[in-house]
Amino acid sequence: MPDEFVRFLHHGRPVWGLRKEQRIHLCAAAPWADERLSGETVDALGVEFLAPAEPSKIVCVGVNYQDHAQEMGHSLPEEPLIFLKPSTSLLDVGKTIHLPRGVGRVDHEAELALVIGKTVGPRVDNDDALFGYTCANDVTARELQKKDGQWTRAKGFDTFCPLGPSLVRGLDASDLSIECLVNGELRQGSRTSQLIFLPAQLVNFVAGIMTLNPGDVILTGTPAGIGPLSAGDEVEVRIQGLGSLSNLVI
């Protein structure tokens, strides 16, 4: 069975735990550093969950689903198209996405996220660097993306990277359903088997360019069906085996 790790506030400080049904067994440290348990448990009900990663950077992949490439009128890329979101765009579980004033259309993008478990880079072996998976929403100011011609501003606003609810290790991610719902209405629905570049390929590609640190995140791209968000919406990303990531929009 896959392991489900969660990050949450405990006595006012961020800690990690291994979730087993409605009990959380506290970890001695981040699970990629030390999977030993402290022996203390807490009830999962009422816990304030945090994003299950500690990234120095968030590396994103564009146009990585066959159906999304068709939707956008792009030919299939010969190599991954990558860009960065700042770590300050990270949004904790259940927190609110803020729409910046005056930026025009802002879209949802449901994505499978990879969390790195060890330091890897151009001169460091990257076998077993991928620790686990979680859900992400690559929120995007679409009009700014088109206006700028590069994606830093459109992707980089605070709250534009919801992540969670948990970090799952030991899951076969080769053919999982991935969905995005807005106010309960299905907007995106695909499977990870539609990925052009697979998780291991993406880790190898990115690690050949830059050093990845434990806790770093790679977003693997979004399927077809991207669409706008409005104030008052509830947006939900669901990935089979990874749970549901839900955020309100204001």
Protein backbone atom coordinates (compact mmCIF):
# COMPACT_ATOMS: atom_id res chain seq x y z
CA MET A 1 0.00 0.00 0.00
CA PRO A 2 1.24 3.52 -0.74
CA ASP A 3 2.30 5.68 2.18
CA GLU A 4 0.47 8.97 2.72
CA PHE A 5 2.55 11.71 4.32
CA VAL A 6 1.04 15.01 5.43
CA ARG A 7 2.51 18.30 6.59
CA PHE A 8 0.59 20.27 9.20
CA LEU A 9 0.80 22.68 12.10
CA HIS A 10 1.45 21.07 15.47
CA HIS A 11 1.79 23.34 18.51
CA GLY A 12 2.30 26.22 16.10
CA ARG A 13 5.12 24.73 14.01
CA PRO A 14 5.18 22.79 10.73
CA VAL A 15 5.71 19.05 11.15
CA TRP A 16 5.34 15.93 9.02
CA GLY A 17 3.32 12.84 9.75
CA LEU A 18 2.30 9.51 8.27
CA ARG A 19 -1.47 9.39 7.95
CA LYS A 20 -3.26 6.14 8.67
CA GLU A 21 -7.01 6.67 8.35
CA GLN A 22 -7.94 9.27 10.99
CA ARG A 23 -4.67 9.15 12.94
CA ILE A 24 -1.44 10.92 12.05
CA HIS A 25 1.81 9.39 13.30
CA LEU A 26 4.38 12.15 13.66
CA CYS A 27 7.64 11.81 11.70
CA ALA A 28 11.00 12.62 13.21
CA ALA A 29 11.77 14.90 10.25
CA ALA A 30 10.71 15.45 6.64
CA PRO A 31 9.98 11.95 5.30
CA TRP A 32 12.67 12.08 2.61
CA ALA A 33 15.25 12.84 5.31
CA ASP A 34 14.12 10.41 7.99
CA GLU A 35 11.05 8.16 7.78
CA ARG A 36 11.24 7.14 11.44
CA LEU A 37 8.18 7.94 13.51
CA SER A 38 8.40 9.78 16.82
CA GLY A 39 5.79 7.60 18.53
CA GLU A 40 3.35 10.49 18.99
CA THR A 41 0.00 10.46 17.19
CA VAL A 42 -2.71 13.07 16.68
CA ASP A 43 -6.27 13.00 15.41
CA ALA A 44 -6.45 14.09 11.74
CA LEU A 45 -9.75 15.85 12.38
CA GLY A 46 -9.25 19.53 13.04
CA VAL A 47 -5.60 19.59 11.95
CA GLU A 48 -4.49 22.57 9.85
CA PHE A 49 -2.81 20.96 6.84
CA LEU A 50 0.01 22.63 4.91
CA ALA A 51 1.36 22.12 1.40
CA PRO A 52 3.20 18.74 1.46
CA ALA A 53 6.54 20.01 0.16
CA GLU A 54 9.29 22.45 1.14
CA PRO A 55 10.49 23.74 -2.22
CA SER A 56 13.44 25.99 -2.88
CA LYS A 57 11.93 26.13 -6.38
CA ILE A 58 8.92 24.90 -8.33
CA VAL A 59 9.77 23.70 -11.83
CA CYS A 60 6.84 23.50 -14.24
CA VAL A 61 6.39 21.75 -17.57
CA GLY A 62 4.29 23.26 -20.34
CA VAL A 63 2.39 21.45 -23.11
CA ASN A 64 2.93 17.96 -21.69
CA TYR A 65 -0.45 16.33 -22.38
CA GLN A 66 -1.34 15.20 -25.85
CA ASP A 67 -4.92 16.47 -25.55
CA HIS A 68 -3.78 19.87 -24.22
CA ALA A 69 -1.29 20.27 -27.08
CA GLN A 70 -4.15 19.70 -29.50
CA GLU A 71 -6.38 22.13 -27.58
CA MET A 72 -3.74 24.87 -27.77
CA GLY A 73 -2.86 24.16 -31.41
CA HIS A 74 0.73 23.15 -30.58
CA SER A 75 2.73 20.35 -32.15
CA LEU A 76 4.10 17.80 -29.68
CA PRO A 77 7.34 19.10 -28.15
CA GLU A 78 10.60 17.28 -28.85
CA GLU A 79 11.84 17.97 -25.31
CA PRO A 80 10.17 19.28 -22.15
CA LEU A 81 9.30 22.96 -22.09
CA ILE A 82 10.11 24.15 -18.57
CA PHE A 83 9.60 27.33 -16.59
CA LEU A 84 9.69 28.30 -12.91
CA LYS A 85 7.14 29.38 -10.34
CA PRO A 86 8.60 31.05 -7.23
CA SER A 87 8.34 29.21 -3.94
CA THR A 88 6.29 32.17 -2.68
CA SER A 89 3.45 31.13 -5.02
CA LEU A 90 2.92 27.98 -2.92
CA LEU A 91 -0.53 27.80 -1.29
CA ASP A 92 -1.41 25.58 1.64
CA VAL A 93 -4.26 23.10 1.64
CA GLY A 94 -7.66 24.79 1.88
CA LYS A 95 -6.31 28.33 1.65
CA THR A 96 -7.66 30.96 -0.74
CA ILE A 97 -6.50 31.81 -4.26
CA HIS A 98 -6.35 35.58 -4.69
CA LEU A 99 -7.12 37.05 -8.12
CA PRO A 100 -4.86 40.07 -8.67
CA ARG A 101 -6.60 43.23 -9.77
CA GLY A 102 -6.36 44.29 -13.39
CA VAL A 103 -4.75 41.15 -14.83
CA GLY A 104 -7.74 39.86 -16.78
CA ARG A 105 -8.52 36.18 -17.15
CA VAL A 106 -7.03 33.77 -14.59
CA ASP A 107 -7.23 30.03 -15.35
CA HIS A 108 -7.09 26.76 -13.45
CA GLU A 109 -4.65 24.04 -14.53
CA ALA A 110 -4.94 20.67 -12.77
CA GLU A 111 -1.55 18.95 -12.54
CA LEU A 112 0.23 15.92 -11.12
CA ALA A 113 3.10 17.19 -8.96
CA LEU A 114 6.37 15.40 -8.22
CA VAL A 115 8.24 15.98 -4.96
CA ILE A 116 12.00 15.42 -4.92
CA GLY A 117 13.54 13.41 -2.09
CA LYS A 118 17.30 13.89 -2.50
CA THR A 119 19.78 16.34 -3.97
CA VAL A 120 20.33 15.69 -7.66
CA GLY A 121 21.90 17.73 -10.42
CA PRO A 122 24.03 17.71 -13.55
CA ARG A 123 26.88 15.91 -11.78
CA VAL A 124 24.87 13.93 -9.22
CA ASP A 125 23.18 10.54 -9.74
CA ASN A 126 19.42 11.07 -10.00
CA ASP A 127 18.21 7.49 -9.49
CA ASP A 128 15.42 7.34 -6.89
CA ALA A 129 15.27 11.15 -6.69
CA LEU A 130 11.48 11.17 -7.00
CA PHE A 131 10.02 10.72 -3.52
CA GLY A 132 6.29 10.94 -4.17
CA TYR A 133 3.28 12.59 -5.78
CA THR A 134 0.63 15.14 -4.91
CA CYS A 135 -2.02 17.32 -6.57
CA ALA A 136 -1.34 20.83 -7.84
CA ASN A 137 -3.12 23.72 -9.53
CA ASP A 138 -0.88 25.79 -11.80
CA VAL A 139 -2.99 28.95 -11.59
CA THR A 140 -2.22 31.20 -14.57
CA ALA A 141 -2.99 34.80 -15.53
CA ARG A 142 -3.69 33.88 -19.14
CA GLU A 143 -3.74 37.36 -20.67
CA LEU A 144 -0.42 38.26 -19.05
CA GLN A 145 1.06 35.01 -20.34
CA LYS A 146 0.15 36.00 -23.90
CA LYS A 147 1.16 39.62 -23.42
CA ASP A 148 4.59 38.95 -21.92
CA GLY A 149 5.63 36.10 -24.22
CA GLN A 150 7.27 34.45 -21.22
CA TRP A 151 5.50 33.11 -18.20
CA THR A 152 7.12 34.35 -15.01
CA ARG A 153 4.63 37.08 -14.19
CA ALA A 154 1.56 35.11 -15.31
CA LYS A 155 2.49 32.09 -13.18
CA GLY A 156 4.26 33.74 -10.27
CA PHE A 157 1.67 35.58 -8.19
CA ASP A 158 1.32 34.69 -4.52
CA THR A 159 -1.27 31.87 -4.03
CA PHE A 160 -0.88 30.67 -7.65
CA CYS A 161 0.41 27.20 -6.70
CA PRO A 162 -2.05 25.30 -4.48
CA LEU A 163 -0.50 21.96 -3.52
CA GLY A 164 -1.80 18.94 -1.58
CA PRO A 165 -3.52 17.48 0.28
CA SER A 166 -0.88 14.80 0.97
CA LEU A 167 2.38 13.41 -0.38
CA VAL A 168 1.88 9.83 -1.54
CA ARG A 169 4.80 7.45 -1.94
CA GLY A 170 4.70 4.04 -3.63
CA LEU A 171 1.93 4.84 -6.12
CA ASP A 172 2.02 3.78 -9.78
CA ALA A 173 1.32 7.11 -11.52
CA SER A 174 1.40 5.80 -15.09
CA ASP A 175 -2.37 5.84 -15.66
CA LEU A 176 -4.28 7.87 -13.06
CA SER A 177 -7.43 9.87 -13.69
CA ILE A 178 -6.90 13.63 -13.31
CA GLU A 179 -9.78 16.09 -13.05
CA CYS A 180 -10.54 19.71 -12.30
CA LEU A 181 -13.97 20.82 -11.10
CA VAL A 182 -15.20 24.37 -10.62
CA ASN A 183 -18.24 24.69 -8.37
CA GLY A 184 -18.78 20.96 -8.85
CA GLU A 185 -18.77 21.18 -12.66
CA LEU A 186 -16.17 19.04 -14.45
CA ARG A 187 -13.81 21.25 -16.47
CA GLN A 188 -10.82 18.97 -17.04
CA GLY A 189 -10.81 15.20 -17.27
CA SER A 190 -7.94 13.08 -18.57
CA ARG A 191 -5.43 10.44 -17.51
CA THR A 192 -1.73 10.61 -16.76
CA SER A 193 -1.20 8.06 -19.55
CA GLN A 194 -1.68 11.11 -21.83
CA LEU A 195 1.60 12.61 -20.57
CA ILE A 196 4.13 13.17 -23.34
CA PHE A 197 7.14 13.13 -20.98
CA LEU A 198 6.83 10.80 -17.99
CA PRO A 199 7.81 11.66 -14.40
CA ALA A 200 11.19 9.88 -14.50
CA GLN A 201 12.02 11.58 -17.80
CA LEU A 202 11.14 14.98 -16.35
CA VAL A 203 13.30 14.47 -13.26
CA ASN A 204 16.23 13.42 -15.45
CA PHE A 205 15.74 16.37 -17.80
CA VAL A 206 15.46 19.02 -15.09
CA ALA A 207 18.31 17.56 -13.03
CA GLY A 208 20.51 17.80 -16.12
CA ILE A 209 20.01 21.56 -16.06
CA MET A 210 19.81 22.57 -12.41
CA THR A 211 20.34 21.08 -8.99
CA LEU A 212 17.13 19.83 -7.40
CA ASN A 213 16.94 19.88 -3.61
CA PRO A 214 14.89 17.67 -1.29
CA GLY A 215 11.39 19.11 -1.09
CA ASP A 216 11.54 20.73 -4.54
CA VAL A 217 8.50 20.33 -6.77
CA ILE A 218 8.03 19.55 -10.46
CA LEU A 219 4.60 20.19 -11.99
CA THR A 220 4.10 17.82 -14.91
CA GLY A 221 1.70 19.84 -17.07
CA THR A 222 -2.05 20.11 -17.47
CA PRO A 223 -4.56 18.24 -19.66
CA ALA A 224 -7.17 19.79 -21.96
CA GLY A 225 -10.02 21.84 -20.56
CA ILE A 226 -8.28 24.83 -18.98
CA GLY A 227 -10.72 27.62 -18.15
CA PRO A 228 -11.27 30.82 -16.20
CA LEU A 229 -11.80 31.31 -12.48
CA SER A 230 -13.98 34.00 -10.91
CA ALA A 231 -14.25 35.40 -7.41
CA GLY A 232 -16.46 33.13 -5.33
CA ASP A 233 -15.55 29.95 -7.21
CA GLU A 234 -14.46 26.75 -5.53
CA VAL A 235 -11.85 24.96 -7.64
CA GLU A 236 -10.99 21.32 -6.98
CA VAL A 237 -8.21 19.14 -8.40
CA ARG A 238 -8.76 15.40 -8.09
CA ILE A 239 -6.16 12.79 -8.95
CA GLN A 240 -6.80 9.08 -8.49
CA GLY A 241 -4.98 7.79 -5.41
CA LEU A 242 -3.90 11.28 -4.34
CA GLY A 243 -7.15 12.74 -3.04
CA SER A 244 -8.73 16.12 -3.60
CA LEU A 245 -7.20 19.62 -3.46
CA SER A 246 -9.88 22.28 -3.00
CA ASN A 247 -9.47 26.06 -2.80
CA LEU A 248 -11.80 29.03 -2.78
CA VAL A 249 -11.15 31.98 -5.10
CA ILE A 250 -11.45 35.62 -4.01
